[in-house]
Amino acid sequence: MRKIHLFILTLLSFTVFAQKQPSPKQIQEFDAYVESARKQWNVPGLSIVVVKDNQVIFKKGYGVRQLTGDASGKSEPVDTQTLFACASTTKAMTVTLMGMLVDEGKLAWNDPVSKYLPELQLYDPYVTRELRIRDLLIHDTGIGSTDFMTGAMTIPVNEMFRRMEMVKPSYSFRAGFAYQNTFYSAAGRIIERITGKTWAEFLKERIFLPLGMTRTAPKRSYITDTNVTRPHYNINDTIRVIDYGADSEIGSAGAVWSSADDISKWVICMLDSSKYSGGRLVKPETWAEMFTPQTFFPEDEYPTMQILKPNWRTYGLGWYQHDYKGHKVNFHTGSLAGLTAITGQLPDEKLGVYVFGNYDHAEVRHALMYKAFDCFALGGTRDWSTEFKALYTNLNEQRKKTAKAFADKRVLNTSPSLPLTAYAGAYYSPLYGRTKVDVAGNQLLINVNDNSLNATLSHWHYDTFYGPYQKAWYGKALARFTLGVSGNVDRLIVDGMEFSKE
């Protein structure tokens, strides 16, 4: 009788294990769906990995690394070793590093930031005094995006911290949500102050090395491999390769590069309470704190929420969260110019997915994440790609209508108040830096912060000028000049950045 019981238990074990494994049909259908969705969204190349129960159950590369190919005219295919930008999914790694320091008693989540970064002063002295480590990681400080510090200038991070004192809050402290990269840079600098190592060195030593992530780089400048994707952007209805962005001073907010093969190790580790073959990255209670809801994020943070309609939306420490079919989802996107990423978890199903792409804001990433959840855990045949494509097509049409409404406001047959030469010269802002304006024929050439932003502007109406940035994927610049009481130009406002004439 005992042998029969053992036989039955063994049989049941194999049956349960078999039930957890995707069938060949599931794999085939999901594979076909990914490729179909990639083509539907015109993404040149992407790679995807799905893990379940501590195993990789699906991984594949699709399309090409770059559309234009190499000198021979050949476009190299994407595979699971191709390196892509992790972008803001890097934030969860930075949080994990801070969690290690919490475990070691070197900091606490609620420590004052001023204890480690006294040079970080904010517009409101009260917020400077009350700002905690936790606040750096959950986008609730009241300070809106300061991405102009990396997009419109090239300055060291300590200079960014100095200028934060001039940034007026967008809402009250801890009373809202506005995505903030500069504060994740502050988190990285705190790690450096405590450990005496660069954020990149500490990241390699404490995460990449233990997990065996041998192809993952803390920044693109660390990559020596040639199996790397290129960024793509739609310029005048043509998808083109664009330049890589510079390695940012705020690397701890989004600088990591990895491949589907390597990132699978990170996904498995994060699903399994930070465990890996040699131990665990952080203590169970620290791992739990990282995924505990800390604040709310608004519906308009992601247009996909209009269709998903979750009952709740929260943000943990480096993770967005919401409910889906009665299950908790942890996820985060990453976006750099021409490059995308998304990682998502169904923790109670021990299912994780990671998608890389090489086309600017290719939101097929969301569709593939939810399709993976359905296909490998929750069931359902919903065509997320088609639904999300319709959603984003509609949003693009709305943007076109907004652009047309802007064009309709143009007052025709006006002239500048002064000769073009009167607008030329040097302009300065203690927050936004320096801008130089030159005249070329009947146009103005604007150079913001020594070629960080360059644009060629034609007269639009009155004292407003409009035209393309030199880097076409930046779009078009709108520059408005104002005159002082003397009748001379005294201010220049370029896309919301205000400068005074020197």
Protein backbone atom coordinates (compact mmCIF):
# COMPACT_ATOMS: atom_id res chain seq x y z
CA MET A 1 0.00 0.00 0.00
CA ARG A 2 2.83 2.38 0.87
CA LYS A 3 4.38 1.83 -2.58
CA ILE A 4 1.04 2.63 -4.24
CA HIS A 5 0.81 5.88 -2.26
CA LEU A 6 4.34 6.83 -3.28
CA PHE A 7 3.54 6.02 -6.90
CA ILE A 8 0.41 8.20 -6.80
CA LEU A 9 2.30 11.07 -5.16
CA THR A 10 5.04 10.83 -7.76
CA LEU A 11 2.50 10.75 -10.56
CA LEU A 12 0.72 13.78 -9.12
CA SER A 13 4.02 15.64 -8.83
CA PHE A 14 4.80 15.02 -12.48
CA THR A 15 1.26 16.02 -13.43
CA VAL A 16 1.47 19.31 -11.51
CA PHE A 17 4.90 20.02 -13.01
CA ALA A 18 3.62 19.23 -16.48
CA GLN A 19 0.67 21.56 -15.99
CA LYS A 20 3.04 24.42 -15.22
CA GLN A 21 4.95 24.01 -18.47
CA PRO A 22 3.56 25.76 -21.54
CA SER A 23 2.49 23.43 -24.30
CA PRO A 24 4.17 23.52 -27.73
CA LYS A 25 0.94 25.02 -29.06
CA GLN A 26 1.05 27.85 -26.49
CA ILE A 27 4.66 28.60 -27.40
CA GLN A 28 3.90 28.54 -31.11
CA GLU A 29 0.87 30.82 -30.74
CA PHE A 30 2.70 33.29 -28.52
CA ASP A 31 5.69 33.35 -30.88
CA ALA A 32 3.43 34.08 -33.84
CA TYR A 33 1.61 36.78 -31.85
CA VAL A 34 4.84 38.58 -30.95
CA GLU A 35 6.00 38.70 -34.55
CA SER A 36 2.58 39.80 -35.78
CA ALA A 37 2.45 42.56 -33.15
CA ARG A 38 5.98 43.71 -33.98
CA LYS A 39 4.97 44.18 -37.61
CA GLN A 40 1.69 45.81 -36.63
CA TRP A 41 3.63 48.49 -34.73
CA ASN A 42 6.46 48.71 -37.31
CA VAL A 43 9.14 47.97 -34.73
CA PRO A 44 12.47 47.20 -36.47
CA GLY A 45 13.61 44.83 -33.74
CA LEU A 46 12.73 43.53 -30.30
CA SER A 47 13.59 40.73 -27.93
CA ILE A 48 11.50 39.12 -25.23
CA VAL A 49 11.94 36.68 -22.39
CA VAL A 50 9.26 35.05 -20.22
CA VAL A 51 10.07 33.25 -16.96
CA LYS A 52 7.84 31.11 -14.77
CA ASP A 53 8.61 29.15 -11.63
CA ASN A 54 12.29 30.13 -11.76
CA GLN A 55 12.72 28.93 -15.33
CA VAL A 56 12.91 30.62 -18.71
CA ILE A 57 9.93 29.29 -20.63
CA PHE A 58 10.24 31.53 -23.70
CA LYS A 59 12.91 33.75 -25.20
CA LYS A 60 13.49 35.03 -28.70
CA GLY A 61 14.75 37.94 -30.79
CA TYR A 62 12.74 39.41 -33.66
CA GLY A 63 13.54 41.71 -36.54
CA VAL A 64 16.82 43.53 -36.99
CA ARG A 65 19.24 45.52 -34.86
CA GLN A 66 19.05 48.47 -37.24
CA LEU A 67 17.13 49.14 -40.43
CA THR A 68 19.96 50.56 -42.51
CA GLY A 69 22.31 47.62 -42.03
CA ASP A 70 26.09 47.75 -42.00
CA ALA A 71 28.47 48.85 -44.76
CA SER A 72 27.63 45.71 -46.76
CA GLY A 73 23.96 46.66 -46.71
CA LYS A 74 23.08 43.68 -44.50
CA SER A 75 20.84 44.15 -41.48
CA GLU A 76 21.89 41.91 -38.62
CA PRO A 77 19.08 40.03 -36.85
CA VAL A 78 18.18 40.52 -33.20
CA ASP A 79 18.84 37.49 -31.01
CA THR A 80 18.64 36.85 -27.29
CA GLN A 81 22.22 38.09 -26.87
CA THR A 82 21.57 41.46 -28.54
CA LEU A 83 22.10 44.34 -26.13
CA PHE A 84 19.29 46.87 -25.62
CA ALA A 85 18.73 49.77 -23.23
CA CYS A 86 17.02 48.91 -19.96
CA ALA A 87 16.39 52.66 -19.50
CA SER A 88 14.19 53.35 -16.46
CA THR A 89 13.78 49.69 -15.55
CA THR A 90 17.26 50.41 -14.12
CA LYS A 91 15.51 52.13 -11.22
CA ALA A 92 14.57 48.82 -9.60
CA MET A 93 18.26 47.87 -9.58
CA THR A 94 19.18 51.12 -7.86
CA VAL A 95 16.46 50.51 -5.27
CA THR A 96 17.85 47.00 -4.68
CA LEU A 97 21.32 48.45 -4.07
CA MET A 98 19.84 50.82 -1.51
CA GLY A 99 18.03 47.87 0.05
CA MET A 100 21.39 46.16 0.52
CA LEU A 101 22.64 49.20 2.41
CA VAL A 102 19.48 49.13 4.54
CA ASP A 103 20.21 45.49 5.36
CA GLU A 104 23.76 46.41 6.33
CA GLY A 105 22.54 49.17 8.66
CA LYS A 106 24.24 51.87 6.59
CA LEU A 107 21.04 53.78 5.87
CA ALA A 108 17.30 53.63 6.53
CA TRP A 109 14.45 54.28 4.08
CA ASN A 110 13.28 57.18 6.24
CA ASP A 111 16.67 58.81 6.78
CA PRO A 112 16.82 62.50 5.82
CA VAL A 113 18.44 62.99 2.42
CA SER A 114 20.36 65.95 3.86
CA LYS A 115 22.29 63.53 6.04
CA TYR A 116 24.04 62.22 2.92
CA LEU A 117 23.60 64.99 0.33
CA PRO A 118 23.63 68.33 2.17
CA GLU A 119 24.29 70.09 -1.14
CA LEU A 120 20.85 69.08 -2.46
CA GLN A 121 18.78 72.14 -1.64
CA LEU A 122 15.19 72.55 -2.87
CA TYR A 123 12.98 75.57 -3.53
CA ASP A 124 11.08 75.09 -0.27
CA PRO A 125 13.41 74.83 2.78
CA TYR A 126 10.78 72.74 4.55
CA VAL A 127 10.91 70.11 1.78
CA THR A 128 14.72 70.17 1.87
CA ARG A 129 14.58 69.46 5.58
CA GLU A 130 11.85 66.79 5.41
CA LEU A 131 12.94 64.96 2.23
CA ARG A 132 13.62 61.28 3.00
CA ILE A 133 15.42 58.52 1.14
CA ARG A 134 12.02 56.97 0.43
CA ASP A 135 10.83 60.19 -1.26
CA LEU A 136 13.70 60.01 -3.75
CA LEU A 137 12.32 56.71 -5.02
CA ILE A 138 8.55 57.26 -5.31
CA HIS A 139 8.09 60.50 -7.32
CA ASP A 140 6.03 62.30 -4.65
CA THR A 141 8.24 65.29 -3.82
CA GLY A 142 6.12 67.95 -5.50
CA ILE A 143 8.85 68.70 -8.03
CA GLY A 144 7.98 68.00 -11.65
CA SER A 145 10.28 66.69 -14.32
CA THR A 146 13.73 68.22 -14.48
CA ASP A 147 14.81 66.25 -17.55
CA PHE A 148 15.91 69.53 -19.15
CA MET A 149 19.05 69.11 -17.05
CA THR A 150 20.07 66.22 -19.26
CA GLY A 151 18.19 67.07 -22.47
CA ALA A 152 19.02 70.77 -22.78
CA MET A 153 22.41 70.93 -21.13
CA THR A 154 25.48 68.90 -20.21
CA ILE A 155 26.34 69.52 -16.58
CA PRO A 156 27.74 67.38 -13.76
CA VAL A 157 25.29 65.94 -11.30
CA ASN A 158 26.46 68.18 -8.46
CA GLU A 159 25.53 71.18 -10.59
CA MET A 160 22.09 69.61 -11.12
CA PHE A 161 21.68 69.37 -7.38
CA ARG A 162 22.70 73.01 -6.98
CA ARG A 163 20.11 74.14 -9.53
CA MET A 164 17.28 72.16 -7.93
CA GLU A 165 16.89 75.03 -5.46
CA MET A 166 15.58 77.15 -8.37
CA VAL A 167 12.95 74.64 -9.53
CA LYS A 168 9.52 75.67 -8.31
CA PRO A 169 7.30 72.81 -7.10
CA SER A 170 4.47 71.61 -9.32
CA TYR A 171 2.32 70.47 -6.40
CA SER A 172 2.51 70.17 -2.61
CA PHE A 173 5.04 67.88 -0.99
CA ARG A 174 3.78 64.26 -0.96
CA ALA A 175 0.43 65.35 -2.41
CA GLY A 176 0.75 63.98 -5.92
CA PHE A 177 2.89 62.09 -8.41
CA ALA A 178 5.31 63.46 -11.01
CA TYR A 179 7.99 61.27 -12.51
CA GLN A 180 11.41 62.47 -11.36
CA ASN A 181 14.74 61.20 -12.70
CA THR A 182 17.04 63.63 -10.89
CA PHE A 183 16.12 62.19 -7.51
CA TYR A 184 17.11 58.71 -8.66
CA SER A 185 20.45 60.27 -9.53
CA ALA A 186 20.58 61.51 -5.95
CA ALA A 187 19.96 57.94 -4.79
CA GLY A 188 22.92 56.80 -6.87
CA ARG A 189 25.14 59.47 -5.35
CA ILE A 190 24.11 58.45 -1.86
CA ILE A 191 25.16 54.89 -2.70
CA GLU A 192 28.54 56.26 -3.79
CA ARG A 193 28.96 58.34 -0.61
CA ILE A 194 28.27 55.34 1.60
CA THR A 195 30.24 52.67 -0.30
CA GLY A 196 33.16 54.70 -1.62
CA LYS A 197 32.54 53.12 -5.03
CA THR A 198 30.85 54.44 -8.13
CA TRP A 199 27.24 53.42 -8.64
CA ALA A 200 28.34 51.45 -11.73
CA GLU A 201 31.05 49.55 -9.80
CA PHE A 202 28.73 48.74 -6.93
CA LEU A 203 26.02 47.60 -9.35
CA LYS A 204 28.39 45.25 -11.16
CA GLU A 205 29.81 43.89 -7.91
CA ARG A 206 26.56 43.38 -6.01
CA ILE A 207 24.03 42.46 -8.73
CA PHE A 208 25.58 41.60 -12.09
CA LEU A 209 28.39 39.40 -10.72
CA PRO A 210 26.29 37.35 -8.25
CA LEU A 211 23.57 36.76 -10.85
CA GLY A 212 26.03 35.89 -13.61
CA MET A 213 24.90 38.79 -15.81
CA THR A 214 28.11 38.78 -17.81
CA ARG A 215 26.81 40.73 -20.80
CA THR A 216 25.00 43.45 -18.86
CA ALA A 217 26.61 46.90 -18.69
CA PRO A 218 25.88 49.72 -16.21
CA LYS A 219 26.23 52.23 -19.06
CA ARG A 220 26.52 52.02 -22.85
CA SER A 221 30.11 53.30 -22.68
CA TYR A 222 31.04 50.02 -20.94
CA ILE A 223 29.94 47.93 -23.94
CA THR A 224 32.66 46.47 -26.17
CA ASP A 225 30.42 43.94 -27.92
CA THR A 226 29.18 44.51 -31.50
CA ASN A 227 25.85 42.72 -30.97
CA VAL A 228 24.10 45.95 -29.98
CA THR A 229 20.90 47.48 -31.30
CA ARG A 230 20.53 51.01 -32.65
CA PRO A 231 17.73 53.46 -31.77
CA HIS A 232 15.02 54.30 -34.32
CA TYR A 233 12.57 57.18 -34.67
CA ASN A 234 9.77 58.12 -37.04
CA ILE A 235 10.92 61.26 -38.86
CA ASN A 236 8.53 62.65 -41.45
CA ASP A 237 6.72 59.31 -41.69
CA THR A 238 9.93 57.35 -42.22
CA ILE A 239 11.49 55.15 -39.55
CA ARG A 240 15.18 56.01 -39.35
CA VAL A 241 18.20 55.20 -37.24
CA ILE A 242 19.07 58.08 -34.92
CA ASP A 243 22.07 58.88 -32.75
CA TYR A 244 22.57 57.27 -29.38
CA GLY A 245 21.96 59.61 -26.48
CA ALA A 246 24.99 60.47 -24.37
CA ASP A 247 25.68 58.38 -21.28
CA SER A 248 23.85 60.41 -18.68
CA GLU A 249 25.09 61.84 -15.43
CA ILE A 250 21.92 60.37 -13.94
CA GLY A 251 22.89 56.78 -14.75
CA SER A 252 21.23 55.36 -11.64
CA ALA A 253 17.90 56.49 -13.10
CA GLY A 254 18.21 54.59 -16.37
CA ALA A 255 21.60 53.72 -17.87
CA VAL A 256 21.83 49.90 -17.83
CA TRP A 257 22.07 47.86 -21.06
CA SER A 258 21.33 44.14 -21.20
CA SER A 259 20.08 41.26 -23.34
CA ALA A 260 17.12 38.90 -23.09
CA ASP A 261 19.40 36.09 -21.91
CA ASP A 262 21.02 38.15 -19.18
CA ILE A 263 17.98 40.06 -17.98
CA SER A 264 16.12 36.78 -17.42
CA LYS A 265 18.41 36.18 -14.43
CA TRP A 266 17.34 39.50 -12.91
CA VAL A 267 13.65 38.79 -13.57
CA ILE A 268 13.85 35.37 -11.88
CA CYS A 269 15.73 36.84 -8.92
CA MET A 270 13.17 39.60 -8.38
CA LEU A 271 10.28 37.15 -8.58
CA ASP A 272 11.92 34.77 -6.11
CA SER A 273 12.26 37.26 -3.23
CA SER A 274 15.76 38.24 -4.52
CA LYS A 275 17.13 34.70 -4.25
CA TYR A 276 19.86 33.38 -6.53
CA SER A 277 22.07 30.30 -6.53
CA GLY A 278 24.51 31.80 -4.03
CA GLY A 279 22.04 33.27 -1.58
CA ARG A 280 19.86 36.37 -1.82
CA LEU A 281 20.44 40.00 -2.73
CA VAL A 282 18.39 41.48 0.12
CA LYS A 283 16.59 40.23 3.19
CA PRO A 284 13.00 39.00 2.73
CA GLU A 285 11.57 41.97 4.63
CA THR A 286 13.55 44.42 2.49
CA TRP A 287 12.39 42.72 -0.69
CA ALA A 288 8.81 42.91 0.58
CA GLU A 289 9.20 46.63 1.34
CA MET A 290 10.37 47.29 -2.22
CA PHE A 291 7.08 45.91 -3.56
CA THR A 292 4.85 47.44 -0.89
CA PRO A 293 2.66 50.25 -2.30
CA GLN A 294 4.06 53.63 -1.27
CA THR A 295 1.92 56.14 -3.16
CA PHE A 296 -0.66 56.36 -5.96
CA PHE A 297 -0.06 57.15 -9.60
CA PRO A 298 -2.71 58.85 -11.79
CA GLU A 299 -4.55 57.13 -14.63
CA ASP A 300 -3.02 59.42 -17.25
CA GLU A 301 0.49 58.23 -16.34
CA TYR A 302 -0.10 55.40 -18.82
CA PRO A 303 -2.79 55.64 -21.54
CA THR A 304 -3.15 51.85 -21.35
CA MET A 305 -4.97 52.33 -18.03
CA GLN A 306 -7.95 53.67 -20.04
CA ILE A 307 -8.47 50.18 -21.43
CA LEU A 308 -7.24 48.09 -18.50
CA LYS A 309 -9.37 50.04 -15.99
CA PRO A 310 -7.69 48.66 -12.86
CA ASN A 311 -9.36 49.08 -9.49
CA TRP A 312 -6.19 50.49 -7.97
CA ARG A 313 -2.89 52.00 -9.14
CA THR A 314 0.12 52.36 -6.85
CA TYR A 315 3.87 52.87 -6.99
CA GLY A 316 6.27 50.88 -4.84
CA LEU A 317 10.00 51.48 -4.59
CA GLY A 318 10.88 51.57 -8.28
CA TRP A 319 7.79 49.65 -9.46
CA TYR A 320 4.37 50.66 -10.82
CA GLN A 321 1.55 48.41 -9.60
CA HIS A 322 -2.09 47.68 -10.38
CA ASP A 323 -4.58 44.83 -10.34
CA TYR A 324 -5.32 42.67 -13.38
CA LYS A 325 -7.90 39.86 -13.36
CA GLY A 326 -7.73 39.83 -9.58
CA HIS A 327 -3.94 39.56 -9.48
CA LYS A 328 -1.31 42.08 -8.49
CA VAL A 329 0.96 43.32 -11.29
CA ASN A 330 4.35 44.94 -10.70
CA PHE A 331 5.82 46.61 -13.77
CA HIS A 332 8.00 49.40 -15.07
CA THR A 333 8.73 50.84 -18.47
CA GLY A 334 11.96 52.33 -19.77
CA SER A 335 12.29 54.86 -22.57
CA LEU A 336 15.26 56.57 -24.17
CA ALA A 337 15.22 58.32 -27.53
CA GLY A 338 14.58 55.51 -30.00
CA LEU A 339 14.72 52.68 -27.44
CA THR A 340 12.17 51.02 -25.15
CA ALA A 341 11.86 48.40 -22.43
CA ILE A 342 9.22 47.00 -20.11
CA THR A 343 9.35 44.48 -17.30
CA GLY A 344 6.31 43.00 -15.60
CA GLN A 345 5.49 40.48 -12.89
CA LEU A 346 2.56 38.40 -11.75
CA PRO A 347 4.11 37.55 -8.36
CA ASP A 348 1.46 35.07 -7.23
CA GLU A 349 1.91 33.14 -10.48
CA LYS A 350 5.72 33.45 -10.34
CA LEU A 351 5.53 34.75 -13.90
CA GLY A 352 7.72 37.53 -15.27
CA VAL A 353 8.25 39.07 -18.69
CA TYR A 354 10.77 41.49 -20.12
CA VAL A 355 10.53 43.16 -23.54
CA PHE A 356 13.20 45.25 -25.29
CA GLY A 357 12.55 47.35 -28.40
CA ASN A 358 14.50 49.64 -30.73
CA TYR A 359 11.76 52.05 -31.85
CA ASP A 360 10.85 55.20 -29.95
CA HIS A 361 7.90 54.65 -27.57
CA ALA A 362 6.85 51.44 -29.32
CA GLU A 363 3.93 50.71 -27.02
CA VAL A 364 3.61 47.18 -28.33
CA ARG A 365 5.67 46.47 -25.19
CA HIS A 366 2.52 46.83 -23.07
CA ALA A 367 0.54 44.53 -25.35
CA LEU A 368 3.17 41.79 -25.20
CA MET A 369 3.37 41.99 -21.41
CA TYR A 370 -0.37 41.45 -20.91
CA LYS A 371 -0.47 38.83 -23.66
CA ALA A 372 2.25 36.91 -21.81
CA PHE A 373 0.22 37.15 -18.60
CA ASP A 374 -2.82 35.74 -20.40
CA CYS A 375 -1.01 33.08 -22.40
CA PHE A 376 1.16 31.63 -19.65
CA ALA A 377 -0.90 32.17 -16.49
CA LEU A 378 -4.36 33.73 -16.51
CA GLY A 379 -5.96 32.62 -19.75
CA GLY A 380 -7.84 34.69 -22.31
CA THR A 381 -7.64 35.49 -26.01
CA ARG A 382 -7.84 39.27 -25.92
CA ASP A 383 -5.89 40.97 -28.70
CA TRP A 384 -4.03 43.56 -26.67
CA SER A 385 -1.88 44.65 -29.60
CA THR A 386 -4.85 45.67 -31.74
CA GLU A 387 -6.61 47.39 -28.82
CA PHE A 388 -3.55 49.35 -27.73
CA LYS A 389 -2.69 50.20 -31.35
CA ALA A 390 -6.14 51.74 -31.78
CA LEU A 391 -5.68 53.64 -28.50
CA TYR A 392 -2.32 55.13 -29.49
CA THR A 393 -3.46 55.83 -33.05
CA ASN A 394 -6.30 57.87 -31.57
CA LEU A 395 -3.86 59.70 -29.26
CA ASN A 396 -1.66 60.52 -32.25
CA GLU A 397 -4.68 61.91 -34.07
CA GLN A 398 -5.46 64.05 -31.05
CA ARG A 399 -1.88 65.35 -31.07
CA LYS A 400 -2.23 66.24 -34.73
CA LYS A 401 -5.42 68.15 -33.94
CA THR A 402 -3.59 69.98 -31.16
CA ALA A 403 -0.78 70.85 -33.57
CA LYS A 404 -3.32 72.09 -36.09
CA ALA A 405 -5.04 74.17 -33.41
CA PHE A 406 -1.65 75.70 -32.64
CA ALA A 407 -1.09 76.45 -36.33
CA ASP A 408 -4.55 77.98 -36.58
CA LYS A 409 -3.61 80.48 -33.87
CA ARG A 410 -0.88 81.91 -36.07
CA VAL A 411 -1.58 85.50 -36.98
CA LEU A 412 -0.70 85.93 -40.63
CA ASN A 413 0.93 88.95 -42.25
CA THR A 414 2.74 90.13 -39.13
CA SER A 415 6.37 91.16 -38.82
CA PRO A 416 8.89 91.10 -35.98
CA SER A 417 8.91 94.24 -33.88
CA LEU A 418 12.62 94.78 -34.56
CA PRO A 419 15.21 93.89 -37.20
CA LEU A 420 16.42 90.28 -36.83
CA THR A 421 19.82 91.49 -35.68
CA ALA A 422 18.17 92.94 -32.57
CA TYR A 423 17.22 89.42 -31.45
CA ALA A 424 20.76 88.10 -31.81
CA GLY A 425 23.08 87.88 -28.85
CA ALA A 426 23.69 85.99 -25.61
CA TYR A 427 20.98 85.02 -23.15
CA TYR A 428 21.36 83.58 -19.67
CA SER A 429 19.35 81.79 -16.97
CA PRO A 430 20.77 80.60 -13.64
CA LEU A 431 18.54 77.52 -14.00
CA TYR A 432 18.58 76.76 -17.73
CA GLY A 433 22.07 77.95 -18.65
CA ARG A 434 23.08 79.94 -21.73
CA THR A 435 21.63 80.42 -25.17
CA LYS A 436 23.17 82.10 -28.17
CA VAL A 437 21.10 83.53 -31.01
CA ASP A 438 22.56 84.28 -34.45
CA VAL A 439 21.06 85.49 -37.70
CA ALA A 440 21.36 83.49 -40.92
CA GLY A 441 19.54 85.19 -43.81
CA ASN A 442 15.93 85.59 -42.74
CA GLN A 443 16.16 82.97 -39.98
CA LEU A 444 17.41 82.79 -36.41
CA LEU A 445 19.83 80.11 -35.25
CA ILE A 446 19.46 79.16 -31.61
CA ASN A 447 22.22 77.33 -29.75
CA VAL A 448 21.28 76.23 -26.24
CA ASN A 449 24.12 75.39 -23.84
CA ASP A 450 26.95 74.88 -26.32
CA ASN A 451 25.14 72.68 -28.84
CA SER A 452 23.02 70.71 -26.40
CA LEU A 453 20.07 71.97 -28.42
CA ASN A 454 20.30 73.65 -31.82
CA ALA A 455 17.36 74.89 -33.87
CA THR A 456 16.76 76.91 -37.03
CA LEU A 457 13.77 79.19 -36.62
CA SER A 458 11.67 81.11 -39.08
CA HIS A 459 9.35 83.96 -38.19
CA TRP A 460 6.00 82.67 -36.99
CA HIS A 461 4.13 85.78 -35.93
CA TYR A 462 4.92 88.98 -34.04
CA ASP A 463 8.04 88.20 -31.94
CA THR A 464 7.62 84.42 -32.01
CA PHE A 465 9.79 82.13 -34.12
CA TYR A 466 9.31 78.46 -34.91
CA GLY A 467 11.34 75.72 -36.56
CA PRO A 468 13.03 72.32 -36.38
CA TYR A 469 15.71 71.25 -33.97
CA GLN A 470 18.90 70.08 -35.62
CA LYS A 471 18.21 66.64 -34.22
CA ALA A 472 14.93 66.03 -36.00
CA TRP A 473 13.68 63.55 -33.38
CA TYR A 474 13.54 66.43 -30.90
CA GLY A 475 10.71 67.94 -32.91
CA LYS A 476 10.31 71.69 -33.37
CA ALA A 477 11.30 74.60 -31.17
CA LEU A 478 9.08 77.53 -30.30
CA ALA A 479 10.94 80.69 -29.29
CA ARG A 480 9.24 83.85 -28.05
CA PHE A 481 11.04 87.12 -27.43
CA THR A 482 9.72 89.88 -25.17
CA LEU A 483 10.62 93.55 -25.21
CA GLY A 484 11.40 95.68 -22.19
CA VAL A 485 10.19 99.20 -21.45
CA SER A 486 13.07 100.54 -23.55
CA GLY A 487 11.76 98.73 -26.62
CA ASN A 488 14.75 96.39 -26.75
CA VAL A 489 14.67 92.58 -26.43
CA ASP A 490 15.06 91.57 -22.80
CA ARG A 491 13.87 87.94 -22.60
CA LEU A 492 13.79 84.74 -24.64
CA ILE A 493 11.52 81.81 -23.84
CA VAL A 494 12.40 78.57 -25.66
CA ASP A 495 9.95 75.72 -25.11
CA GLY A 496 9.22 76.92 -21.58
CA MET A 497 12.83 77.74 -20.65
CA GLU A 498 13.23 81.44 -19.90
CA PHE A 499 16.48 83.35 -20.47
CA SER A 500 17.39 87.03 -19.97
CA LYS A 501 19.42 88.90 -22.54
CA GLU A 502 22.93 89.71 -21.36
